[in-house]
Each structure stands twice: as C-alpha cells, then as structure tokens.
Amino acid sequence: MYKRQQYPAPDGGLWNGRKVADWLSEITGRRISRHRGWEYLQQMTFRLRVPRPDHRVADPVEQNEWKKNYIKNSNFCNLNILMPI
C-alpha cells in the first residue's frame, strides 16, 4: 500500500480515506470503510499537506512590504528587552 501511495490517486488528486478504502476494497474483494482507509493513511504517517489558499484581493507587493517592516520594527530580536543589562 505504501508504494501505491507514492503515486497519485486514481482520479489524479490526493489520497484520502475514501480513496484508500475503495482501492483496498478492489484488491481484497471485501468492503472497507472510509474511516478504516483514513486509519491506514495515519498509520503510514500520512499528513495532508495542502498550502493555504491566497486571498483573492491580496496584494503580494504590499504583503512583502508589511513583512519587511514587521521584522525591522519587531522587538523579537531585541535582547535588551528579554535580558536587561
């Protein structure tokens, strides 16, 4: 099963409990529940890793400027706040 999981699911998408259960049902000839399919994925340390979607009206330039200013103005790296001399 682990080798099969290295390739895309039959529909071309990501593997999930339903797809694993359907695939196992075809192989074994017995009905496998969706929950059991998900448990098998978890046993193989499968984690669904999908990037968070971008906001439709987000401005990438404005976001980068905000990040630069936040890091520059942040007190996170100021050790005098954490350990006064």
PDB file of N, CA and C in Angstrom:
ATOM      1  N   MET A   1       0.830  -1.183   0.000  1.00  0.00           N
ATOM      2  CA  MET A   1       0.000   0.000   0.000  1.00  0.00           C
ATOM      3  C   MET A   1       0.874   1.245   0.000  1.00  0.00           C
ATOM      4  N   TYR A   2       1.987   1.227   0.759  1.00  0.00           N
ATOM      5  CA  TYR A   2       2.853   2.405   0.835  1.00  0.00           C
ATOM      6  C   TYR A   2       3.397   2.772  -0.544  1.00  0.00           C
ATOM      7  N   LYS A   3       3.786   1.765  -1.317  1.00  0.00           N
ATOM      8  CA  LYS A   3       4.306   2.038  -2.663  1.00  0.00           C
ATOM      9  C   LYS A   3       3.232   2.657  -3.542  1.00  0.00           C
ATOM     10  N   ARG A   4       2.014   2.178  -3.400  1.00  0.00           N
ATOM     11  CA  ARG A   4       0.913   2.717  -4.203  1.00  0.00           C
ATOM     12  C   ARG A   4       0.624   4.161  -3.833  1.00  0.00           C
ATOM     13  N   GLN A   5       0.806   4.511  -2.568  1.00  0.00           N
ATOM     14  CA  GLN A   5       0.528   5.869  -2.110  1.00  0.00           C
ATOM     15  C   GLN A   5       1.533   6.885  -2.654  1.00  0.00           C
ATOM     16  N   GLN A   6       2.665   6.407  -3.154  1.00  0.00           N
ATOM     17  CA  GLN A   6       3.674   7.317  -3.696  1.00  0.00           C
ATOM     18  C   GLN A   6       3.242   7.909  -5.039  1.00  0.00           C
ATOM     19  N   TYR A   7       2.234   7.316  -5.654  1.00  0.00           N
ATOM     20  CA  TYR A   7       1.722   7.791  -6.929  1.00  0.00           C
ATOM     21  C   TYR A   7       0.379   8.480  -6.692  1.00  0.00           C
ATOM     22  N   PRO A   8      -0.052   9.324  -7.624  1.00  0.00           N
ATOM     23  CA  PRO A   8      -1.348   9.993  -7.443  1.00  0.00           C
ATOM     24  C   PRO A   8      -2.497   8.990  -7.344  1.00  0.00           C
ATOM     25  N   ALA A   9      -3.553   9.443  -6.723  1.00  0.00           N
ATOM     26  CA  ALA A   9      -4.755   8.620  -6.607  1.00  0.00           C
ATOM     27  C   ALA A   9      -5.333   8.364  -8.004  1.00  0.00           C
ATOM     28  N   PRO A  10      -6.208   7.374  -8.142  1.00  0.00           N
ATOM     29  CA  PRO A  10      -6.761   7.036  -9.465  1.00  0.00           C
ATOM     30  C   PRO A  10      -7.403   8.225 -10.188  1.00  0.00           C
ATOM     31  N   ASP A  11      -7.979   9.160  -9.446  1.00  0.00           N
ATOM     32  CA  ASP A  11      -8.603  10.319 -10.094  1.00  0.00           C
ATOM     33  C   ASP A  11      -7.611  11.454 -10.318  1.00  0.00           C
ATOM     34  N   GLY A  12      -6.347  11.244  -9.951  1.00  0.00           N
ATOM     35  CA  GLY A  12      -5.322  12.253 -10.162  1.00  0.00           C
ATOM     36  C   GLY A  12      -5.147  13.203  -8.989  1.00  0.00           C
ATOM     37  N   GLY A  13      -6.002  13.123  -8.001  1.00  0.00           N
ATOM     38  CA  GLY A  13      -5.915  14.016  -6.848  1.00  0.00           C
ATOM     39  C   GLY A  13      -5.078  13.419  -5.732  1.00  0.00           C
ATOM     40  N   LEU A  14      -5.293  13.922  -4.534  1.00  0.00           N
ATOM     41  CA  LEU A  14      -4.584  13.422  -3.366  1.00  0.00           C
ATOM     42  C   LEU A  14      -5.322  12.226  -2.775  1.00  0.00           C
ATOM     43  N   TRP A  15      -4.573  11.370  -2.099  1.00  0.00           N
ATOM     44  CA  TRP A  15      -5.185  10.228  -1.426  1.00  0.00           C
ATOM     45  C   TRP A  15      -5.943  10.700  -0.197  1.00  0.00           C
ATOM     46  N   ASN A  16      -7.091  10.104   0.053  1.00  0.00           N
ATOM     47  CA  ASN A  16      -7.840  10.337   1.285  1.00  0.00           C
ATOM     48  C   ASN A  16      -8.417   8.998   1.742  1.00  0.00           C
ATOM     49  N   GLY A  17      -9.110   9.008   2.859  1.00  0.00           N
ATOM     50  CA  GLY A  17      -9.632   7.769   3.414  1.00  0.00           C
ATOM     51  C   GLY A  17     -10.562   7.035   2.476  1.00  0.00           C
ATOM     52  N   ARG A  18     -11.409   7.764   1.764  1.00  0.00           N
ATOM     53  CA  ARG A  18     -12.357   7.127   0.844  1.00  0.00           C
ATOM     54  C   ARG A  18     -11.626   6.441  -0.298  1.00  0.00           C
ATOM     55  N   LYS A  19     -10.623   7.124  -0.853  1.00  0.00           N
ATOM     56  CA  LYS A  19      -9.908   6.548  -1.992  1.00  0.00           C
ATOM     57  C   LYS A  19      -9.105   5.319  -1.577  1.00  0.00           C
ATOM     58  N   VAL A  20      -8.506   5.362  -0.399  1.00  0.00           N
ATOM     59  CA  VAL A  20      -7.766   4.202   0.098  1.00  0.00           C
ATOM     60  C   VAL A  20      -8.728   3.041   0.334  1.00  0.00           C
ATOM     61  N   ALA A  21      -9.874   3.335   0.936  1.00  0.00           N
ATOM     62  CA  ALA A  21     -10.855   2.280   1.201  1.00  0.00           C
ATOM     63  C   ALA A  21     -11.362   1.664  -0.096  1.00  0.00           C
ATOM     64  N   ASP A  22     -11.638   2.496  -1.094  1.00  0.00           N
ATOM     65  CA  ASP A  22     -12.093   1.970  -2.389  1.00  0.00           C
ATOM     66  C   ASP A  22     -11.022   1.105  -3.037  1.00  0.00           C
ATOM     67  N   TRP A  23      -9.777   1.568  -2.995  1.00  0.00           N
ATOM     68  CA  TRP A  23      -8.673   0.808  -3.599  1.00  0.00           C
ATOM     69  C   TRP A  23      -8.489  -0.537  -2.890  1.00  0.00           C
ATOM     70  N   LEU A  24      -8.525  -0.518  -1.551  1.00  0.00           N
ATOM     71  CA  LEU A  24      -8.391  -1.762  -0.797  1.00  0.00           C
ATOM     72  C   LEU A  24      -9.565  -2.700  -1.051  1.00  0.00           C
ATOM     73  N   SER A  25     -10.760  -2.147  -1.211  1.00  0.00           N
ATOM     74  CA  SER A  25     -11.933  -2.971  -1.496  1.00  0.00           C
ATOM     75  C   SER A  25     -11.775  -3.699  -2.831  1.00  0.00           C
ATOM     76  N   GLU A  26     -11.207  -3.009  -3.821  1.00  0.00           N
ATOM     77  CA  GLU A  26     -10.963  -3.655  -5.111  1.00  0.00           C
ATOM     78  C   GLU A  26      -9.946  -4.788  -4.980  1.00  0.00           C
ATOM     79  N   ILE A  27      -8.888  -4.546  -4.207  1.00  0.00           N
ATOM     80  CA  ILE A  27      -7.821  -5.533  -4.064  1.00  0.00           C
ATOM     81  C   ILE A  27      -8.297  -6.759  -3.286  1.00  0.00           C
ATOM     82  N   THR A  28      -8.976  -6.526  -2.161  1.00  0.00           N
ATOM     83  CA  THR A  28      -9.349  -7.630  -1.274  1.00  0.00           C
ATOM     84  C   THR A  28     -10.683  -8.271  -1.630  1.00  0.00           C
ATOM     85  N   GLY A  29     -11.540  -7.525  -2.342  1.00  0.00           N
ATOM     86  CA  GLY A  29     -12.863  -8.050  -2.652  1.00  0.00           C
ATOM     87  C   GLY A  29     -13.823  -7.929  -1.484  1.00  0.00           C
ATOM     88  N   ARG A  30     -13.406  -7.242  -0.425  1.00  0.00           N
ATOM     89  CA  ARG A  30     -14.267  -7.020   0.751  1.00  0.00           C
ATOM     90  C   ARG A  30     -14.483  -5.531   0.933  1.00  0.00           C
ATOM     91  N   ARG A  31     -15.602  -5.187   1.536  1.00  0.00           N
ATOM     92  CA  ARG A  31     -15.911  -3.778   1.764  1.00  0.00           C
ATOM     93  C   ARG A  31     -15.041  -3.234   2.894  1.00  0.00           C
ATOM     94  N   ILE A  32     -14.357  -2.114   2.639  1.00  0.00           N
ATOM     95  CA  ILE A  32     -13.525  -1.435   3.635  1.00  0.00           C
ATOM     96  C   ILE A  32     -14.158  -0.063   3.888  1.00  0.00           C
ATOM     97  N   SER A  33     -14.330   0.304   5.144  1.00  0.00           N
ATOM     98  CA  SER A  33     -14.968   1.579   5.460  1.00  0.00           C
ATOM     99  C   SER A  33     -14.010   2.741   5.190  1.00  0.00           C
ATOM    100  N   ARG A  34     -14.599   3.908   4.971  1.00  0.00           N
ATOM    101  CA  ARG A  34     -13.793   5.112   4.744  1.00  0.00           C
ATOM    102  C   ARG A  34     -12.933   5.431   5.953  1.00  0.00           C
ATOM    103  N   HIS A  35     -13.492   5.230   7.116  1.00  0.00           N
ATOM    104  CA  HIS A  35     -12.742   5.505   8.339  1.00  0.00           C
ATOM    105  C   HIS A  35     -11.521   4.597   8.444  1.00  0.00           C
ATOM    106  N   ARG A  36     -11.677   3.341   8.083  1.00  0.00           N
ATOM    107  CA  ARG A  36     -10.555   2.410   8.115  1.00  0.00           C
ATOM    108  C   ARG A  36      -9.489   2.847   7.096  1.00  0.00           C
ATOM    109  N   GLY A  37      -9.914   3.337   5.946  1.00  0.00           N
ATOM    110  CA  GLY A  37      -8.960   3.852   4.966  1.00  0.00           C
ATOM    111  C   GLY A  37      -8.159   5.011   5.530  1.00  0.00           C
ATOM    112  N   TRP A  38      -8.818   5.899   6.267  1.00  0.00           N
ATOM    113  CA  TRP A  38      -8.127   7.020   6.890  1.00  0.00           C
ATOM    114  C   TRP A  38      -7.176   6.526   7.980  1.00  0.00           C
ATOM    115  N   GLU A  39      -7.579   5.528   8.729  1.00  0.00           N
ATOM    116  CA  GLU A  39      -6.692   4.971   9.759  1.00  0.00           C
ATOM    117  C   GLU A  39      -5.430   4.392   9.137  1.00  0.00           C
ATOM    118  N   TYR A  40      -5.568   3.722   7.987  1.00  0.00           N
ATOM    119  CA  TYR A  40      -4.382   3.192   7.302  1.00  0.00           C
ATOM    120  C   TYR A  40      -3.449   4.322   6.877  1.00  0.00           C
ATOM    121  N   LEU A  41      -4.024   5.412   6.376  1.00  0.00           N
ATOM    122  CA  LEU A  41      -3.188   6.553   5.997  1.00  0.00           C
ATOM    123  C   LEU A  41      -2.441   7.112   7.204  1.00  0.00           C
ATOM    124  N   GLN A  42      -3.123   7.212   8.319  1.00  0.00           N
ATOM    125  CA  GLN A  42      -2.480   7.738   9.531  1.00  0.00           C
ATOM    126  C   GLN A  42      -1.384   6.799  10.028  1.00  0.00           C
ATOM    127  N   GLN A  43      -1.590   5.507   9.927  1.00  0.00           N
ATOM    128  CA  GLN A  43      -0.564   4.549  10.350  1.00  0.00           C
ATOM    129  C   GLN A  43       0.692   4.677   9.508  1.00  0.00           C
ATOM    130  N   MET A  44       0.534   5.109   8.268  1.00  0.00           N
ATOM    131  CA  MET A  44       1.697   5.312   7.407  1.00  0.00           C
ATOM    132  C   MET A  44       2.246   6.722   7.559  1.00  0.00           C
ATOM    133  N   THR A  45       1.865   7.406   8.622  1.00  0.00           N
ATOM    134  CA  THR A  45       2.260   8.795   8.930  1.00  0.00           C
ATOM    135  C   THR A  45       1.925   9.739   7.787  1.00  0.00           C
ATOM    136  N   PHE A  46       0.797   9.493   7.130  1.00  0.00           N
ATOM    137  CA  PHE A  46       0.327  10.374   6.084  1.00  0.00           C
ATOM    138  C   PHE A  46      -0.257  11.624   6.718  1.00  0.00           C
ATOM    139  N   ARG A  47       0.129  12.765   6.191  1.00  0.00           N
ATOM    140  CA  ARG A  47      -0.456  14.031   6.621  1.00  0.00           C
ATOM    141  C   ARG A  47      -0.827  14.807   5.370  1.00  0.00           C
ATOM    142  N   LEU A  48      -2.039  15.287   5.355  1.00  0.00           N
ATOM    143  CA  LEU A  48      -2.496  16.070   4.220  1.00  0.00           C
ATOM    144  C   LEU A  48      -1.815  17.427   4.263  1.00  0.00           C
ATOM    145  N   ARG A  49      -0.966  17.676   3.288  1.00  0.00           N
ATOM    146  CA  ARG A  49      -0.227  18.937   3.247  1.00  0.00           C
ATOM    147  C   ARG A  49      -0.662  19.710   2.012  1.00  0.00           C
ATOM    148  N   VAL A  50      -1.538  20.651   2.232  1.00  0.00           N
ATOM    149  CA  VAL A  50      -2.051  21.477   1.157  1.00  0.00           C
ATOM    150  C   VAL A  50      -1.781  22.926   1.540  1.00  0.00           C
ATOM    151  N   PRO A  51      -1.175  23.711   0.649  1.00  0.00           N
ATOM    152  CA  PRO A  51      -0.918  25.104   1.015  1.00  0.00           C
ATOM    153  C   PRO A  51      -2.217  25.862   1.227  1.00  0.00           C
ATOM    154  N   ARG A  52      -2.155  26.802   2.146  1.00  0.00           N
ATOM    155  CA  ARG A  52      -3.335  27.620   2.390  1.00  0.00           C
ATOM    156  C   ARG A  52      -3.613  28.475   1.166  1.00  0.00           C
ATOM    157  N   PRO A  53      -4.872  28.674   0.826  1.00  0.00           N
ATOM    158  CA  PRO A  53      -5.189  29.471  -0.365  1.00  0.00           C
ATOM    159  C   PRO A  53      -4.871  30.946  -0.133  1.00  0.00           C
ATOM    160  N   ASP A  54      -4.507  31.616  -1.201  1.00  0.00           N
ATOM    161  CA  ASP A  54      -4.273  33.054  -1.138  1.00  0.00           C
ATOM    162  C   ASP A  54      -5.603  33.772  -1.189  1.00  0.00           C
ATOM    163  N   HIS A  55      -5.642  34.932  -0.555  1.00  0.00           N
ATOM    164  CA  HIS A  55      -6.851  35.741  -0.611  1.00  0.00           C
ATOM    165  C   HIS A  55      -6.985  36.318  -2.016  1.00  0.00           C
ATOM    166  N   ARG A  56      -8.201  36.418  -2.496  1.00  0.00           N
ATOM    167  CA  ARG A  56      -8.431  36.855  -3.876  1.00  0.00           C
ATOM    168  C   ARG A  56      -7.929  38.269  -4.147  1.00  0.00           C
ATOM    169  N   VAL A  57      -8.058  39.150  -3.176  1.00  0.00           N
ATOM    170  CA  VAL A  57      -7.682  40.551  -3.411  1.00  0.00           C
ATOM    171  C   VAL A  57      -6.364  40.906  -2.730  1.00  0.00           C
ATOM    172  N   ALA A  58      -5.566  39.916  -2.367  1.00  0.00           N
ATOM    173  CA  ALA A  58      -4.293  40.177  -1.699  1.00  0.00           C
ATOM    174  C   ALA A  58      -3.299  40.795  -2.680  1.00  0.00           C
ATOM    175  N   ASP A  59      -2.543  41.754  -2.193  1.00  0.00           N
ATOM    176  CA  ASP A  59      -1.508  42.402  -2.998  1.00  0.00           C
ATOM    177  C   ASP A  59      -0.153  41.875  -2.542  1.00  0.00           C
ATOM    178  N   PRO A  60       0.541  41.075  -3.371  1.00  0.00           N
ATOM    179  CA  PRO A  60       1.810  40.475  -2.949  1.00  0.00           C
ATOM    180  C   PRO A  60       2.872  41.510  -2.590  1.00  0.00           C
ATOM    181  N   VAL A  61       2.897  42.633  -3.289  1.00  0.00           N
ATOM    182  CA  VAL A  61       3.883  43.676  -3.003  1.00  0.00           C
ATOM    183  C   VAL A  61       3.629  44.263  -1.623  1.00  0.00           C
ATOM    184  N   GLU A  62       2.380  44.555  -1.330  1.00  0.00           N
ATOM    185  CA  GLU A  62       2.023  45.114  -0.019  1.00  0.00           C
ATOM    186  C   GLU A  62       2.322  44.118   1.102  1.00  0.00           C
ATOM    187  N   GLN A  63       2.088  42.831   0.856  1.00  0.00           N
ATOM    188  CA  GLN A  63       2.383  41.822   1.869  1.00  0.00           C
ATOM    189  C   GLN A  63       3.877  41.753   2.165  1.00  0.00           C
ATOM    190  N   ASN A  64       4.708  41.794   1.121  1.00  0.00           N
ATOM    191  CA  ASN A  64       6.151  41.754   1.331  1.00  0.00           C
ATOM    192  C   ASN A  64       6.644  42.982   2.083  1.00  0.00           C
ATOM    193  N   GLU A  65       6.100  44.142   1.776  1.00  0.00           N
ATOM    194  CA  GLU A  65       6.484  45.361   2.497  1.00  0.00           C
ATOM    195  C   GLU A  65       6.098  45.249   3.968  1.00  0.00           C
ATOM    196  N   TRP A  66       4.918  44.712   4.235  1.00  0.00           N
ATOM    197  CA  TRP A  66       4.476  44.558   5.620  1.00  0.00           C
ATOM    198  C   TRP A  66       5.411  43.622   6.382  1.00  0.00           C
ATOM    199  N   LYS A  67       5.785  42.505   5.740  1.00  0.00           N
ATOM    200  CA  LYS A  67       6.688  41.552   6.386  1.00  0.00           C
ATOM    201  C   LYS A  67       8.028  42.194   6.697  1.00  0.00           C
ATOM    202  N   LYS A  68       8.580  42.951   5.754  1.00  0.00           N
ATOM    203  CA  LYS A  68       9.864  43.613   5.973  1.00  0.00           C
ATOM    204  C   LYS A  68       9.773  44.586   7.140  1.00  0.00           C
ATOM    205  N   ASN A  69       8.719  45.402   7.163  1.00  0.00           N
ATOM    206  CA  ASN A  69       8.556  46.387   8.231  1.00  0.00           C
ATOM    207  C   ASN A  69       8.298  45.718   9.577  1.00  0.00           C
ATOM    208  N   TYR A  70       7.569  44.630   9.574  1.00  0.00           N
ATOM    209  CA  TYR A  70       7.264  43.938  10.822  1.00  0.00           C
ATOM    210  C   TYR A  70       8.543  43.397  11.453  1.00  0.00           C
ATOM    211  N   ILE A  71       9.372  42.775  10.644  1.00  0.00           N
ATOM    212  CA  ILE A  71      10.620  42.210  11.167  1.00  0.00           C
ATOM    213  C   ILE A  71      11.549  43.322  11.630  1.00  0.00           C
ATOM    214  N   LYS A  72      11.615  44.399  10.869  1.00  0.00           N
ATOM    215  CA  LYS A  72      12.508  45.504  11.197  1.00  0.00           C
ATOM    216  C   LYS A  72      12.065  46.206  12.488  1.00  0.00           C
ATOM    217  N   ASN A  73      10.774  46.381  12.670  1.00  0.00           N
ATOM    218  CA  ASN A  73      10.252  47.102  13.833  1.00  0.00           C
ATOM    219  C   ASN A  73       9.916  46.193  15.003  1.00  0.00           C
ATOM    220  N   SER A  74      10.130  44.914  14.821  1.00  0.00           N
ATOM    221  CA  SER A  74       9.780  43.953  15.861  1.00  0.00           C
ATOM    222  C   SER A  74      10.788  43.996  17.003  1.00  0.00           C
ATOM    223  N   ASN A  75      10.318  43.798  18.233  1.00  0.00           N
ATOM    224  CA  ASN A  75      11.190  43.720  19.405  1.00  0.00           C
ATOM    225  C   ASN A  75      11.613  42.285  19.681  1.00  0.00           C
ATOM    226  N   PHE A  76      11.236  41.386  18.789  1.00  0.00           N
ATOM    227  CA  PHE A  76      11.537  39.976  18.997  1.00  0.00           C
ATOM    228  C   PHE A  76      13.038  39.726  19.105  1.00  0.00           C
ATOM    229  N   CYS A  77      13.817  40.400  18.293  1.00  0.00           N
ATOM    230  CA  CYS A  77      15.264  40.178  18.274  1.00  0.00           C
ATOM    231  C   CYS A  77      16.015  41.112  19.221  1.00  0.00           C
ATOM    232  N   ASN A  78      15.309  41.961  19.917  1.00  0.00           N
ATOM    233  CA  ASN A  78      15.959  42.899  20.822  1.00  0.00           C
ATOM    234  C   ASN A  78      16.201  42.207  22.157  1.00  0.00           C
ATOM    235  N   LEU A  79      17.424  41.789  22.404  1.00  0.00           N
ATOM    236  CA  LEU A  79      17.740  41.037  23.614  1.00  0.00           C
ATOM    237  C   LEU A  79      17.698  41.898  24.873  1.00  0.00           C
ATOM    238  N   ASN A  80      17.796  43.228  24.723  1.00  0.00           N
ATOM    239  CA  ASN A  80      17.740  44.096  25.902  1.00  0.00           C
ATOM    240  C   ASN A  80      16.368  44.033  26.570  1.00  0.00           C
ATOM    241  N   ILE A  81      15.338  43.743  25.820  1.00  0.00           N
ATOM    242  CA  ILE A  81      14.008  43.622  26.403  1.00  0.00           C
ATOM    243  C   ILE A  81      13.928  42.330  27.217  1.00  0.00           C
ATOM    244  N   LEU A  82      14.503  41.258  26.678  1.00  0.00           N
ATOM    245  CA  LEU A  82      14.424  39.982  27.365  1.00  0.00           C
ATOM    246  C   LEU A  82      15.385  39.904  28.557  1.00  0.00           C
ATOM    247  N   MET A  83      16.585  40.463  28.402  1.00  0.00           N
ATOM    248  CA  MET A  83      17.595  40.411  29.461  1.00  0.00           C
ATOM    249  C   MET A  83      18.209  41.792  29.644  1.00  0.00           C
ATOM    250  N   PRO A  84      17.617  42.642  30.466  1.00  0.00           N
ATOM    251  CA  PRO A  84      18.184  43.981  30.646  1.00  0.00           C
ATOM    252  C   PRO A  84      19.574  43.910  31.264  1.00  0.00           C
ATOM    253  N   ILE A  85      20.426  44.835  30.833  1.00  0.00           N
ATOM    254  CA  ILE A  85      21.801  44.880  31.325  1.00  0.00           C
ATOM    255  C   ILE A  85      21.904  45.700  32.584  1.00  0.00           C
TER     256      ILE A  85
END
